[in-house]
Amino acid sequence: MLTTRTLASVLALGAAAAIVAAPTATAAPSSGSAGGSSSSGCGPRSGSDHLFLAESHYDDESCGVQDAAIQLAHSSCRWLDAHGGTARNRITLAEELSDTVDYPYLFVRAATLAYCPRYAR
């Protein structure tokens, strides 16, 4: 099924990059979203980044972990854009993220609230 293969590819790339970029990360690769992190010394974050980090409980993590989580959240919204933001697809996404993040349903909820609120229900 194309949907499953696409999601699996995105998640596999994210998980592989997380291992290389931030061994303690439980999200995806670090890429410096919005120029830094909410931790002191990491640089500024957008309002959406702050909302996501607080709602997902990544706000006390290292800059690299936060960057990885933010990138995975954006990828999650892109997947929902491509395949639809139905409740079923949000559940599927959370289940696919279960090997990547500690609290996948919370993660998907935080991602949709912050970056794709049209899917937050």
PDB file of N, CA and C in Angstrom:
ATOM      1  N   MET A   1       0.846  -1.179   0.000  1.00  0.00           N
ATOM      2  CA  MET A   1       0.000   0.000   0.000  1.00  0.00           C
ATOM      3  C   MET A   1       0.888   1.238   0.000  1.00  0.00           C
ATOM      4  N   LEU A   2       0.633   2.165  -0.898  1.00  0.00           N
ATOM      5  CA  LEU A   2       1.472   3.340  -1.069  1.00  0.00           C
ATOM      6  C   LEU A   2       1.534   4.185   0.195  1.00  0.00           C
ATOM      7  N   THR A   3       0.424   4.385   0.866  1.00  0.00           N
ATOM      8  CA  THR A   3       0.396   5.195   2.073  1.00  0.00           C
ATOM      9  C   THR A   3       1.328   4.633   3.134  1.00  0.00           C
ATOM     10  N   THR A   4       1.272   3.355   3.361  1.00  0.00           N
ATOM     11  CA  THR A   4       2.120   2.723   4.368  1.00  0.00           C
ATOM     12  C   THR A   4       3.585   2.800   3.972  1.00  0.00           C
ATOM     13  N   ARG A   5       3.879   2.577   2.684  1.00  0.00           N
ATOM     14  CA  ARG A   5       5.269   2.654   2.224  1.00  0.00           C
ATOM     15  C   ARG A   5       5.817   4.062   2.364  1.00  0.00           C
ATOM     16  N   THR A   6       5.021   5.067   2.022  1.00  0.00           N
ATOM     17  CA  THR A   6       5.469   6.455   2.138  1.00  0.00           C
ATOM     18  C   THR A   6       5.759   6.797   3.587  1.00  0.00           C
ATOM     19  N   LEU A   7       4.841   6.469   4.475  1.00  0.00           N
ATOM     20  CA  LEU A   7       5.030   6.748   5.895  1.00  0.00           C
ATOM     21  C   LEU A   7       6.225   5.977   6.431  1.00  0.00           C
ATOM     22  N   ALA A   8       6.351   4.729   6.051  1.00  0.00           N
ATOM     23  CA  ALA A   8       7.479   3.928   6.521  1.00  0.00           C
ATOM     24  C   ALA A   8       8.799   4.521   6.061  1.00  0.00           C
ATOM     25  N   SER A   9       8.849   5.029   4.839  1.00  0.00           N
ATOM     26  CA  SER A   9      10.078   5.647   4.330  1.00  0.00           C
ATOM     27  C   SER A   9      10.438   6.894   5.109  1.00  0.00           C
ATOM     28  N   VAL A  10       9.453   7.758   5.355  1.00  0.00           N
ATOM     29  CA  VAL A  10       9.697   8.983   6.120  1.00  0.00           C
ATOM     30  C   VAL A  10      10.185   8.646   7.519  1.00  0.00           C
ATOM     31  N   LEU A  11       9.535   7.708   8.159  1.00  0.00           N
ATOM     32  CA  LEU A  11       9.908   7.350   9.521  1.00  0.00           C
ATOM     33  C   LEU A  11      11.260   6.650   9.575  1.00  0.00           C
ATOM     34  N   ALA A  12      11.559   5.822   8.596  1.00  0.00           N
ATOM     35  CA  ALA A  12      12.857   5.142   8.582  1.00  0.00           C
ATOM     36  C   ALA A  12      13.987   6.141   8.415  1.00  0.00           C
ATOM     37  N   LEU A  13      13.813   7.103   7.519  1.00  0.00           N
ATOM     38  CA  LEU A  13      14.834   8.137   7.340  1.00  0.00           C
ATOM     39  C   LEU A  13      15.004   8.949   8.614  1.00  0.00           C
ATOM     40  N   GLY A  14      13.897   9.310   9.237  1.00  0.00           N
ATOM     41  CA  GLY A  14      13.966  10.084  10.475  1.00  0.00           C
ATOM     42  C   GLY A  14      14.628   9.319  11.593  1.00  0.00           C
ATOM     43  N   ALA A  15      14.292   8.063  11.739  1.00  0.00           N
ATOM     44  CA  ALA A  15      14.882   7.257  12.804  1.00  0.00           C
ATOM     45  C   ALA A  15      16.370   7.045  12.572  1.00  0.00           C
ATOM     46  N   ALA A  16      16.758   6.793  11.331  1.00  0.00           N
ATOM     47  CA  ALA A  16      18.182   6.595  11.029  1.00  0.00           C
ATOM     48  C   ALA A  16      18.973   7.866  11.296  1.00  0.00           C
ATOM     49  N   ALA A  17      18.441   9.001  10.892  1.00  0.00           N
ATOM     50  CA  ALA A  17      19.138  10.265  11.116  1.00  0.00           C
ATOM     51  C   ALA A  17      19.204  10.600  12.597  1.00  0.00           C
ATOM     52  N   ALA A  18      18.178  10.233  13.352  1.00  0.00           N
ATOM     53  CA  ALA A  18      18.184  10.511  14.788  1.00  0.00           C
ATOM     54  C   ALA A  18      19.306   9.754  15.481  1.00  0.00           C
ATOM     55  N   ILE A  19      19.547   8.543  15.050  1.00  0.00           N
ATOM     56  CA  ILE A  19      20.617   7.745  15.653  1.00  0.00           C
ATOM     57  C   ILE A  19      21.969   8.376  15.378  1.00  0.00           C
ATOM     58  N   VAL A  20      22.158   8.889  14.166  1.00  0.00           N
ATOM     59  CA  VAL A  20      23.429   9.508  13.793  1.00  0.00           C
ATOM     60  C   VAL A  20      23.571  10.890  14.413  1.00  0.00           C
ATOM     61  N   ALA A  21      22.518  11.709  14.351  1.00  0.00           N
ATOM     62  CA  ALA A  21      22.601  13.109  14.766  1.00  0.00           C
ATOM     63  C   ALA A  21      22.528  13.301  16.273  1.00  0.00           C
ATOM     64  N   ALA A  22      21.703  12.537  16.939  1.00  0.00           N
ATOM     65  CA  ALA A  22      21.496  12.731  18.373  1.00  0.00           C
ATOM     66  C   ALA A  22      21.179  11.385  19.005  1.00  0.00           C
ATOM     67  N   PRO A  23      22.176  10.644  19.442  1.00  0.00           N
ATOM     68  CA  PRO A  23      21.955   9.296  19.950  1.00  0.00           C
ATOM     69  C   PRO A  23      20.922   9.201  21.066  1.00  0.00           C
ATOM     70  N   THR A  24      20.744  10.244  21.859  1.00  0.00           N
ATOM     71  CA  THR A  24      19.760  10.181  22.924  1.00  0.00           C
ATOM     72  C   THR A  24      18.386  10.644  22.472  1.00  0.00           C
ATOM     73  N   ALA A  25      18.265  11.083  21.228  1.00  0.00           N
ATOM     74  CA  ALA A  25      16.993  11.586  20.716  1.00  0.00           C
ATOM     75  C   ALA A  25      16.002  10.450  20.557  1.00  0.00           C
ATOM     76  N   THR A  26      14.731  10.773  20.787  1.00  0.00           N
ATOM     77  CA  THR A  26      13.682   9.809  20.528  1.00  0.00           C
ATOM     78  C   THR A  26      12.819  10.301  19.388  1.00  0.00           C
ATOM     79  N   ALA A  27      13.331  11.233  18.610  1.00  0.00           N
ATOM     80  CA  ALA A  27      12.579  11.768  17.480  1.00  0.00           C
ATOM     81  C   ALA A  27      13.398  11.595  16.204  1.00  0.00           C
ATOM     82  N   ALA A  28      13.358  12.578  15.320  1.00  0.00           N
ATOM     83  CA  ALA A  28      14.009  12.479  14.013  1.00  0.00           C
ATOM     84  C   ALA A  28      15.259  13.337  13.949  1.00  0.00           C
ATOM     85  N   PRO A  29      15.792  13.587  12.762  1.00  0.00           N
ATOM     86  CA  PRO A  29      17.082  14.268  12.658  1.00  0.00           C
ATOM     87  C   PRO A  29      17.071  15.726  13.071  1.00  0.00           C
ATOM     88  N   SER A  30      18.198  16.170  13.560  1.00  0.00           N
ATOM     89  CA  SER A  30      18.374  17.563  13.928  1.00  0.00           C
ATOM     90  C   SER A  30      18.639  18.379  12.685  1.00  0.00           C
ATOM     91  N   SER A  31      17.927  19.511  12.565  1.00  0.00           N
ATOM     92  CA  SER A  31      18.163  20.332  11.388  1.00  0.00           C
ATOM     93  C   SER A  31      18.127  21.810  11.683  1.00  0.00           C
ATOM     94  N   GLY A  32      17.967  22.210  12.924  1.00  0.00           N
ATOM     95  CA  GLY A  32      18.025  23.619  13.265  1.00  0.00           C
ATOM     96  C   GLY A  32      16.767  24.395  12.937  1.00  0.00           C
ATOM     97  N   SER A  33      15.596  23.820  13.081  1.00  0.00           N
ATOM     98  CA  SER A  33      14.359  24.513  12.787  1.00  0.00           C
ATOM     99  C   SER A  33      14.254  25.822  13.548  1.00  0.00           C
ATOM    100  N   ALA A  34      13.843  26.853  12.864  1.00  0.00           N
ATOM    101  CA  ALA A  34      13.604  28.182  13.436  1.00  0.00           C
ATOM    102  C   ALA A  34      14.817  28.746  14.140  1.00  0.00           C
ATOM    103  N   GLY A  35      15.980  28.289  13.804  1.00  0.00           N
ATOM    104  CA  GLY A  35      17.200  28.895  14.303  1.00  0.00           C
ATOM    105  C   GLY A  35      17.611  28.546  15.706  1.00  0.00           C
ATOM    106  N   GLY A  36      17.073  27.536  16.312  1.00  0.00           N
ATOM    107  CA  GLY A  36      17.519  27.187  17.656  1.00  0.00           C
ATOM    108  C   GLY A  36      16.491  26.399  18.402  1.00  0.00           C
ATOM    109  N   SER A  37      16.520  26.498  19.720  1.00  0.00           N
ATOM    110  CA  SER A  37      15.614  25.729  20.541  1.00  0.00           C
ATOM    111  C   SER A  37      15.128  26.572  21.696  1.00  0.00           C
ATOM    112  N   SER A  38      14.192  26.036  22.456  1.00  0.00           N
ATOM    113  CA  SER A  38      13.674  26.814  23.572  1.00  0.00           C
ATOM    114  C   SER A  38      14.565  26.737  24.793  1.00  0.00           C
ATOM    115  N   SER A  39      15.519  25.822  24.813  1.00  0.00           N
ATOM    116  CA  SER A  39      16.470  25.767  25.916  1.00  0.00           C
ATOM    117  C   SER A  39      17.387  26.968  25.831  1.00  0.00           C
ATOM    118  N   SER A  40      17.841  27.457  26.983  1.00  0.00           N
ATOM    119  CA  SER A  40      18.703  28.626  26.959  1.00  0.00           C
ATOM    120  C   SER A  40      19.973  28.323  26.184  1.00  0.00           C
ATOM    121  N   GLY A  41      20.432  29.304  25.427  1.00  0.00           N
ATOM    122  CA  GLY A  41      21.646  29.152  24.652  1.00  0.00           C
ATOM    123  C   GLY A  41      21.455  28.513  23.295  1.00  0.00           C
ATOM    124  N   CYS A  42      20.250  28.117  22.945  1.00  0.00           N
ATOM    125  CA  CYS A  42      20.020  27.445  21.667  1.00  0.00           C
ATOM    126  C   CYS A  42      19.522  28.390  20.587  1.00  0.00           C
ATOM    127  N   GLY A  43      19.099  29.558  20.940  1.00  0.00           N
ATOM    128  CA  GLY A  43      18.586  30.497  19.957  1.00  0.00           C
ATOM    129  C   GLY A  43      17.072  30.578  19.989  1.00  0.00           C
ATOM    130  N   PRO A  44      16.511  31.431  19.152  1.00  0.00           N
ATOM    131  CA  PRO A  44      15.065  31.682  19.180  1.00  0.00           C
ATOM    132  C   PRO A  44      14.240  30.560  18.551  1.00  0.00           C
ATOM    133  N   ARG A  45      12.990  30.498  18.942  1.00  0.00           N
ATOM    134  CA  ARG A  45      12.001  29.576  18.399  1.00  0.00           C
ATOM    135  C   ARG A  45      10.764  30.382  18.022  1.00  0.00           C
ATOM    136  N   SER A  46       9.998  29.875  17.085  1.00  0.00           N
ATOM    137  CA  SER A  46       8.726  30.500  16.730  1.00  0.00           C
ATOM    138  C   SER A  46       7.696  30.182  17.812  1.00  0.00           C
ATOM    139  N   GLY A  47       6.589  30.899  17.779  1.00  0.00           N
ATOM    140  CA  GLY A  47       5.504  30.611  18.708  1.00  0.00           C
ATOM    141  C   GLY A  47       4.978  29.195  18.538  1.00  0.00           C
ATOM    142  N   SER A  48       4.901  28.737  17.295  1.00  0.00           N
ATOM    143  CA  SER A  48       4.451  27.365  17.030  1.00  0.00           C
ATOM    144  C   SER A  48       5.431  26.347  17.591  1.00  0.00           C
ATOM    145  N   ASP A  49       6.730  26.643  17.473  1.00  0.00           N
ATOM    146  CA  ASP A  49       7.739  25.744  18.036  1.00  0.00           C
ATOM    147  C   ASP A  49       7.577  25.644  19.547  1.00  0.00           C
ATOM    148  N   HIS A  50       7.397  26.791  20.210  1.00  0.00           N
ATOM    149  CA  HIS A  50       7.224  26.787  21.667  1.00  0.00           C
ATOM    150  C   HIS A  50       5.976  25.999  22.065  1.00  0.00           C
ATOM    151  N   LEU A  51       4.894  26.199  21.324  1.00  0.00           N
ATOM    152  CA  LEU A  51       3.663  25.461  21.610  1.00  0.00           C
ATOM    153  C   LEU A  51       3.899  23.959  21.461  1.00  0.00           C
ATOM    154  N   PHE A  52       4.511  23.558  20.358  1.00  0.00           N
ATOM    155  CA  PHE A  52       4.782  22.136  20.143  1.00  0.00           C
ATOM    156  C   PHE A  52       5.662  21.557  21.241  1.00  0.00           C
ATOM    157  N   LEU A  53       6.747  22.240  21.557  1.00  0.00           N
ATOM    158  CA  LEU A  53       7.682  21.725  22.567  1.00  0.00           C
ATOM    159  C   LEU A  53       7.015  21.588  23.931  1.00  0.00           C
ATOM    160  N   ALA A  54       6.173  22.550  24.291  1.00  0.00           N
ATOM    161  CA  ALA A  54       5.474  22.478  25.581  1.00  0.00           C
ATOM    162  C   ALA A  54       4.444  21.346  25.582  1.00  0.00           C
ATOM    163  N   GLU A  55       3.644  21.265  24.520  1.00  0.00           N
ATOM    164  CA  GLU A  55       2.585  20.255  24.454  1.00  0.00           C
ATOM    165  C   GLU A  55       3.135  18.832  24.347  1.00  0.00           C
ATOM    166  N   SER A  56       4.287  18.683  23.724  1.00  0.00           N
ATOM    167  CA  SER A  56       4.879  17.353  23.546  1.00  0.00           C
ATOM    168  C   SER A  56       5.853  16.997  24.662  1.00  0.00           C
ATOM    169  N   HIS A  57       6.096  17.941  25.555  1.00  0.00           N
ATOM    170  CA  HIS A  57       7.018  17.763  26.685  1.00  0.00           C
ATOM    171  C   HIS A  57       8.468  17.583  26.245  1.00  0.00           C
ATOM    172  N   TYR A  58       8.815  18.179  25.110  1.00  0.00           N
ATOM    173  CA  TYR A  58      10.203  18.192  24.659  1.00  0.00           C
ATOM    174  C   TYR A  58      10.897  19.490  25.060  1.00  0.00           C
ATOM    175  N   ASP A  59      10.218  20.365  25.771  1.00  0.00           N
ATOM    176  CA  ASP A  59      10.778  21.679  26.087  1.00  0.00           C
ATOM    177  C   ASP A  59      11.977  21.638  27.021  1.00  0.00           C
ATOM    178  N   ASP A  60      12.188  20.555  27.743  1.00  0.00           N
ATOM    179  CA  ASP A  60      13.356  20.440  28.619  1.00  0.00           C
ATOM    180  C   ASP A  60      14.463  19.579  28.013  1.00  0.00           C
ATOM    181  N   GLU A  61      14.299  19.165  26.771  1.00  0.00           N
ATOM    182  CA  GLU A  61      15.301  18.334  26.100  1.00  0.00           C
ATOM    183  C   GLU A  61      16.413  19.204  25.514  1.00  0.00           C
ATOM    184  N   SER A  62      17.480  18.565  25.073  1.00  0.00           N
ATOM    185  CA  SER A  62      18.603  19.281  24.455  1.00  0.00           C
ATOM    186  C   SER A  62      18.159  19.916  23.138  1.00  0.00           C
ATOM    187  N   CYS A  63      18.954  20.861  22.675  1.00  0.00           N
ATOM    188  CA  CYS A  63      18.658  21.546  21.413  1.00  0.00           C
ATOM    189  C   CYS A  63      18.522  20.554  20.258  1.00  0.00           C
ATOM    190  N   GLY A  64      19.424  19.594  20.191  1.00  0.00           N
ATOM    191  CA  GLY A  64      19.387  18.614  19.112  1.00  0.00           C
ATOM    192  C   GLY A  64      18.132  17.766  19.133  1.00  0.00           C
ATOM    193  N   VAL A  65      17.718  17.345  20.316  1.00  0.00           N
ATOM    194  CA  VAL A  65      16.501  16.540  20.437  1.00  0.00           C
ATOM    195  C   VAL A  65      15.289  17.380  20.054  1.00  0.00           C
ATOM    196  N   GLN A  66      15.258  18.627  20.507  1.00  0.00           N
ATOM    197  CA  GLN A  66      14.145  19.502  20.150  1.00  0.00           C
ATOM    198  C   GLN A  66      14.075  19.716  18.642  1.00  0.00           C
ATOM    199  N   ASP A  67      15.219  19.975  18.027  1.00  0.00           N
ATOM    200  CA  ASP A  67      15.246  20.169  16.578  1.00  0.00           C
ATOM    201  C   ASP A  67      14.740  18.928  15.856  1.00  0.00           C
ATOM    202  N   ALA A  68      15.149  17.768  16.323  1.00  0.00           N
ATOM    203  CA  ALA A  68      14.711  16.511  15.724  1.00  0.00           C
ATOM    204  C   ALA A  68      13.205  16.332  15.881  1.00  0.00           C
ATOM    205  N   ALA A  69      12.693  16.616  17.055  1.00  0.00           N
ATOM    206  CA  ALA A  69      11.259  16.475  17.307  1.00  0.00           C
ATOM    207  C   ALA A  69      10.459  17.436  16.434  1.00  0.00           C
ATOM    208  N   ILE A  70      10.933  18.662  16.306  1.00  0.00           N
ATOM    209  CA  ILE A  70      10.243  19.652  15.471  1.00  0.00           C
ATOM    210  C   ILE A  70      10.219  19.200  14.014  1.00  0.00           C
ATOM    211  N   GLN A  71      11.333  18.692  13.519  1.00  0.00           N
ATOM    212  CA  GLN A  71      11.374  18.218  12.134  1.00  0.00           C
ATOM    213  C   GLN A  71      10.426  17.044  11.923  1.00  0.00           C
ATOM    214  N   LEU A  72      10.363  16.134  12.879  1.00  0.00           N
ATOM    215  CA  LEU A  72       9.445  15.010  12.765  1.00  0.00           C
ATOM    216  C   LEU A  72       7.997  15.494  12.829  1.00  0.00           C
ATOM    217  N   ALA A  73       7.719  16.495  13.642  1.00  0.00           N
ATOM    218  CA  ALA A  73       6.369  17.057  13.713  1.00  0.00           C
ATOM    219  C   ALA A  73       5.968  17.667  12.373  1.00  0.00           C
ATOM    220  N   HIS A  74       6.881  18.410  11.753  1.00  0.00           N
ATOM    221  CA  HIS A  74       6.603  18.970  10.424  1.00  0.00           C
ATOM    222  C   HIS A  74       6.382  17.855   9.404  1.00  0.00           C
ATOM    223  N   SER A  75       7.179  16.811   9.462  1.00  0.00           N
ATOM    224  CA  SER A  75       7.007  15.666   8.557  1.00  0.00           C
ATOM    225  C   SER A  75       5.653  15.000   8.776  1.00  0.00           C
ATOM    226  N   SER A  76       5.238  14.935  10.023  1.00  0.00           N
ATOM    227  CA  SER A  76       3.936  14.349  10.346  1.00  0.00           C
ATOM    228  C   SER A  76       2.815  15.153   9.705  1.00  0.00           C
ATOM    229  N   CYS A  77       2.910  16.473   9.777  1.00  0.00           N
ATOM    230  CA  CYS A  77       1.886  17.321   9.155  1.00  0.00           C
ATOM    231  C   CYS A  77       1.900  17.181   7.635  1.00  0.00           C
ATOM    232  N   ARG A  78       3.079  17.071   7.045  1.00  0.00           N
ATOM    233  CA  ARG A  78       3.151  16.869   5.592  1.00  0.00           C
ATOM    234  C   ARG A  78       2.501  15.536   5.201  1.00  0.00           C
ATOM    235  N   TRP A  79       2.709  14.507   6.022  1.00  0.00           N
ATOM    236  CA  TRP A  79       2.079  13.222   5.737  1.00  0.00           C
ATOM    237  C   TRP A  79       0.561  13.353   5.822  1.00  0.00           C
ATOM    238  N   LEU A  80       0.074  14.046   6.849  1.00  0.00           N
ATOM    239  CA  LEU A  80      -1.370  14.251   6.975  1.00  0.00           C
ATOM    240  C   LEU A  80      -1.906  15.086   5.818  1.00  0.00           C
ATOM    241  N   ASP A  81      -1.140  16.077   5.358  1.00  0.00           N
ATOM    242  CA  ASP A  81      -1.550  16.865   4.190  1.00  0.00           C
ATOM    243  C   ASP A  81      -1.714  15.965   2.967  1.00  0.00           C
ATOM    244  N   ALA A  82      -0.792  15.051   2.784  1.00  0.00           N
ATOM    245  CA  ALA A  82      -0.805  14.178   1.610  1.00  0.00           C
ATOM    246  C   ALA A  82      -1.886  13.104   1.678  1.00  0.00           C
ATOM    247  N   HIS A  83      -2.190  12.629   2.883  1.00  0.00           N
ATOM    248  CA  HIS A  83      -3.077  11.473   3.019  1.00  0.00           C
ATOM    249  C   HIS A  83      -4.382  11.767   3.738  1.00  0.00           C
ATOM    250  N   GLY A  84      -4.530  12.973   4.229  1.00  0.00           N
ATOM    251  CA  GLY A  84      -5.755  13.358   4.920  1.00  0.00           C
ATOM    252  C   GLY A  84      -5.594  13.327   6.423  1.00  0.00           C
ATOM    253  N   GLY A  85      -6.190  14.300   7.066  1.00  0.00           N
ATOM    254  CA  GLY A  85      -6.059  14.431   8.512  1.00  0.00           C
ATOM    255  C   GLY A  85      -7.192  13.796   9.288  1.00  0.00           C
ATOM    256  N   THR A  86      -7.732  12.717   8.764  1.00  0.00           N
ATOM    257  CA  THR A  86      -8.831  12.037   9.447  1.00  0.00           C
ATOM    258  C   THR A  86      -8.357  11.454  10.779  1.00  0.00           C
ATOM    259  N   ALA A  87      -9.308  11.154  11.626  1.00  0.00           N
ATOM    260  CA  ALA A  87      -8.974  10.526  12.910  1.00  0.00           C
ATOM    261  C   ALA A  87      -8.231   9.214  12.671  1.00  0.00           C
ATOM    262  N   ARG A  88      -8.679   8.459  11.696  1.00  0.00           N
ATOM    263  CA  ARG A  88      -8.019   7.180  11.390  1.00  0.00           C
ATOM    264  C   ARG A  88      -6.559   7.396  10.984  1.00  0.00           C
ATOM    265  N   ASN A  89      -6.301   8.399  10.148  1.00  0.00           N
ATOM    266  CA  ASN A  89      -4.926   8.667   9.717  1.00  0.00           C
ATOM    267  C   ASN A  89      -4.067   9.205  10.853  1.00  0.00           C
ATOM    268  N   ARG A  90      -4.649   9.977  11.756  1.00  0.00           N
ATOM    269  CA  ARG A  90      -3.878  10.452  12.917  1.00  0.00           C
ATOM    270  C   ARG A  90      -3.503   9.275  13.818  1.00  0.00           C
ATOM    271  N   ILE A  91      -4.413   8.332  13.974  1.00  0.00           N
ATOM    272  CA  ILE A  91      -4.118   7.130  14.764  1.00  0.00           C
ATOM    273  C   ILE A  91      -3.042   6.301  14.072  1.00  0.00           C
ATOM    274  N   THR A  92      -3.174   6.115  12.766  1.00  0.00           N
ATOM    275  CA  THR A  92      -2.165   5.366  12.001  1.00  0.00           C
ATOM    276  C   THR A  92      -0.802   6.014  12.154  1.00  0.00           C
ATOM    277  N   LEU A  93      -0.752   7.326  12.030  1.00  0.00           N
ATOM    278  CA  LEU A  93       0.510   8.049  12.173  1.00  0.00           C
ATOM    279  C   LEU A  93       1.101   7.831  13.562  1.00  0.00           C
ATOM    280  N   ALA A  94       0.285   7.965  14.588  1.00  0.00           N
ATOM    281  CA  ALA A  94       0.773   7.763  15.961  1.00  0.00           C
ATOM    282  C   ALA A  94       1.306   6.344  16.144  1.00  0.00           C
ATOM    283  N   GLU A  95       0.604   5.366  15.613  1.00  0.00           N
ATOM    284  CA  GLU A  95       1.070   3.981  15.748  1.00  0.00           C
ATOM    285  C   GLU A  95       2.389   3.764  15.012  1.00  0.00           C
ATOM    286  N   GLU A  96       2.557   4.393  13.860  1.00  0.00           N
ATOM    287  CA  GLU A  96       3.815   4.282  13.119  1.00  0.00           C
ATOM    288  C   GLU A  96       4.964   4.976  13.855  1.00  0.00           C
ATOM    289  N   LEU A  97       4.658   5.997  14.633  1.00  0.00           N
ATOM    290  CA  LEU A  97       5.678   6.727  15.388  1.00  0.00           C
ATOM    291  C   LEU A  97       6.042   6.046  16.704  1.00  0.00           C
ATOM    292  N   SER A  98       5.347   4.985  17.053  1.00  0.00           N
ATOM    293  CA  SER A  98       5.544   4.371  18.371  1.00  0.00           C
ATOM    294  C   SER A  98       6.957   3.838  18.600  1.00  0.00           C
ATOM    295  N   ASP A  99       7.675   3.505  17.553  1.00  0.00           N
ATOM    296  CA  ASP A  99       9.065   3.064  17.713  1.00  0.00           C
ATOM    297  C   ASP A  99      10.047   4.231  17.686  1.00  0.00           C
ATOM    298  N   THR A 100       9.553   5.426  17.378  1.00  0.00           N
ATOM    299  CA  THR A 100      10.411   6.598  17.212  1.00  0.00           C
ATOM    300  C   THR A 100      10.323   7.558  18.387  1.00  0.00           C
ATOM    301  N   VAL A 101       9.129   7.748  18.937  1.00  0.00           N
ATOM    302  CA  VAL A 101       8.936   8.663  20.070  1.00  0.00           C
ATOM    303  C   VAL A 101       8.295   7.910  21.229  1.00  0.00           C
ATOM    304  N   ASP A 102       8.479   8.430  22.435  1.00  0.00           N
ATOM    305  CA  ASP A 102       7.972   7.745  23.623  1.00  0.00           C
ATOM    306  C   ASP A 102       6.448   7.788  23.748  1.00  0.00           C
ATOM    307  N   TYR A 103       5.830   8.906  23.422  1.00  0.00           N
ATOM    308  CA  TYR A 103       4.384   9.069  23.577  1.00  0.00           C
ATOM    309  C   TYR A 103       3.802   9.510  22.240  1.00  0.00           C
ATOM    310  N   PRO A 104       3.594   8.570  21.323  1.00  0.00           N
ATOM    311  CA  PRO A 104       3.238   8.939  19.953  1.00  0.00           C
ATOM    312  C   PRO A 104       1.901   9.658  19.799  1.00  0.00           C
ATOM    313  N   TYR A 105       0.897   9.304  20.582  1.00  0.00           N
ATOM    314  CA  TYR A 105      -0.392   9.985  20.451  1.00  0.00           C
ATOM    315  C   TYR A 105      -0.284  11.424  20.944  1.00  0.00           C
ATOM    316  N   LEU A 106       0.430  11.628  22.023  1.00  0.00           N
ATOM    317  CA  LEU A 106       0.693  12.976  22.525  1.00  0.00           C
ATOM    318  C   LEU A 106       1.505  13.765  21.499  1.00  0.00           C
ATOM    319  N   PHE A 107       2.477  13.123  20.888  1.00  0.00           N
ATOM    320  CA  PHE A 107       3.322  13.767  19.882  1.00  0.00           C
ATOM    321  C   PHE A 107       2.484  14.234  18.694  1.00  0.00           C
ATOM    322  N   VAL A 108       1.627  13.367  18.170  1.00  0.00           N
ATOM    323  CA  VAL A 108       0.791  13.733  17.022  1.00  0.00           C
ATOM    324  C   VAL A 108      -0.165  14.852  17.405  1.00  0.00           C
ATOM    325  N   ARG A 109      -0.735  14.785  18.580  1.00  0.00           N
ATOM    326  CA  ARG A 109      -1.637  15.855  19.037  1.00  0.00           C
ATOM    327  C   ARG A 109      -0.882  17.179  19.117  1.00  0.00           C
ATOM    328  N   ALA A 110       0.300  17.186  19.705  1.00  0.00           N
ATOM    329  CA  ALA A 110       1.099  18.410  19.814  1.00  0.00           C
ATOM    330  C   ALA A 110       1.491  18.931  18.435  1.00  0.00           C
ATOM    331  N   ALA A 111       1.865  18.031  17.539  1.00  0.00           N
ATOM    332  CA  ALA A 111       2.246  18.440  16.179  1.00  0.00           C
ATOM    333  C   ALA A 111       1.081  19.094  15.459  1.00  0.00           C
ATOM    334  N   THR A 112      -0.103  18.499  15.570  1.00  0.00           N
ATOM    335  CA  THR A 112      -1.255  19.075  14.880  1.00  0.00           C
ATOM    336  C   THR A 112      -1.681  20.391  15.506  1.00  0.00           C
ATOM    337  N   LEU A 113      -1.622  20.500  16.814  1.00  0.00           N
ATOM    338  CA  LEU A 113      -1.965  21.773  17.457  1.00  0.00           C
ATOM    339  C   LEU A 113      -1.042  22.896  17.001  1.00  0.00           C
ATOM    340  N   ALA A 114       0.242  22.605  16.923  1.00  0.00           N
ATOM    341  CA  ALA A 114       1.230  23.639  16.635  1.00  0.00           C
ATOM    342  C   ALA A 114       1.414  23.925  15.150  1.00  0.00           C
ATOM    343  N   TYR A 115       1.466  22.894  14.329  1.00  0.00           N
ATOM    344  CA  TYR A 115       1.883  23.071  12.942  1.00  0.00           C
ATOM    345  C   TYR A 115       0.808  22.813  11.893  1.00  0.00           C
ATOM    346  N   CYS A 116      -0.213  22.082  12.237  1.00  0.00           N
ATOM    347  CA  CYS A 116      -1.309  21.850  11.277  1.00  0.00           C
ATOM    348  C   CYS A 116      -2.629  21.780  12.047  1.00  0.00           C
ATOM    349  N   PRO A 117      -3.021  22.920  12.633  1.00  0.00           N
ATOM    350  CA  PRO A 117      -4.215  22.935  13.493  1.00  0.00           C
ATOM    351  C   PRO A 117      -5.500  22.536  12.777  1.00  0.00           C
ATOM    352  N   ARG A 118      -5.487  22.558  11.453  1.00  0.00           N
ATOM    353  CA  ARG A 118      -6.674  22.117  10.716  1.00  0.00           C
ATOM    354  C   ARG A 118      -6.995  20.646  10.991  1.00  0.00           C
ATOM    355  N   TYR A 119      -6.014  19.890  11.502  1.00  0.00           N
ATOM    356  CA  TYR A 119      -6.222  18.477  11.823  1.00  0.00           C
ATOM    357  C   TYR A 119      -6.391  18.220  13.319  1.00  0.00           C
ATOM    358  N   ALA A 120      -6.241  19.234  14.134  1.00  0.00           N
ATOM    359  CA  ALA A 120      -6.354  19.070  15.596  1.00  0.00           C
ATOM    360  C   ALA A 120      -7.829  19.096  15.968  1.00  0.00           C
ATOM    361  N   ARG A 121      -8.305  17.966  16.437  1.00  0.00           N
ATOM    362  CA  ARG A 121      -9.720  17.871  16.835  1.00  0.00           C
ATOM    363  C   ARG A 121      -9.811  17.247  18.189  1.00  0.00           C
TER     364      ARG A 121
END
